[in-house]
Amino acid sequence: MCPAETERPSPRYTRIDLWEPAEILEAMIESQFSAAAAVRASRSAIEHAALAIARRLIGPGRLIYAGAGTSGRLAVQDGAELMPTFSWPQERLLLLIAGGKAALLRSVEGAEDEAGHAAELVRQHGVNEADVVIAVAASGTTPFTVTCLREAKRAGALTIGLANNRDTPLLEEADHAILLDTGPEPIAGSTRMKAGTAQRIALILLSSLVMILLGRVFEGLMVDVQASNKKLTRRSEKILSRLTGRSSEEIRRALGRTGGRVKLAFLLLQGFGLTEAEAALDLAHGHLRQAMELAAGRRYAGPEIRDARSMKPVQTEERSTSK
């Protein structure tokens, strides 16, 4: 059997240990650019996956990340950042990494091969048709990750597979497959390098696009930011200052009335009452522009997720065939 591309030694780097340090760095920097290019080549698959995820998560479902080793740590990092950045609810986020929390800091030998444990985790957490699972593995064959995706799909969840090798189970079985074709690494098999960079970029793009589609960004600003520290509190105030031009005192008063929720504070500063602002945001599924129309009593067609390019309503989920 031929080795996976990410495991295959490359003639380009065969004598890398004999090069001058500057040459080594230049080669590794070059490889990072090629990782970004691999993500760009998969932008259509990322877009289709994001649209499908956003449609599914209009409901009460969870966003679930699954992975092992470096891929698992990158997946967990992306998921963990959604709460402070976009106020994604903690109860709607599930992070599954082979070896558990210990694997976040060190390698847990054999954990990635524990397919049985993966299946048990999916059952234990009650993964169902309301949920979305993003499974990440450079090889595309990691037993823990593939089993998480397979069992979640069997339970009706929407499944997204990210891998760096073609024709692998993770891509073949996912509802939406995202191939990040990074090829051989400068250090053969060290997928923390090109493959890891491509995964990190793709995950950031995917989750950020989903959050934008779900209305958690307004005028390019993080209007769902969770003010969990002084820096983020100041950011909330700056966002409202930029959007409304109101005084610091007015802004702090509005944030105080809304428990720090920027969207609600914005609507209060526009002259709407707290109750009507909350109702409008609820009906608009968190989309601030639509909530403003509702609160103002204007006609509103509905909170469909819209295509990021055409802004036309997207009515059906479609399977991405990019492998």
Foldseek 3Di string as FASTA:
>chain_A
DDDFQAQDDDPVQPVVVVDDPVVNVVVLVVLQVLLVVLLVVQVVLLQLVLQLQLQLVLDPAAEEEEEEALFLLLRVVLQVVCCQQQVPDPVRYYRYYQPPPVRNPHHDPPSQQPLVVLLVVCVVVVQAQSYEYEFEDARLARNSRLSNQVNNVVRNHQYEYEYQGPPHSSQVVHLGYGHRPSGYDSPRNPCCGSVVSSSNVSSNVNVVSNSVLLQCADPNARQNRDCPDPVSLVSLLVVLCVVQVDDSVLLVVLCVVVVNRSLLSNVVSVPADSVLLVVLCVQLSNRSVSSVCVSVVHDDDGNARARPPPRHGDDDRHGHPDD
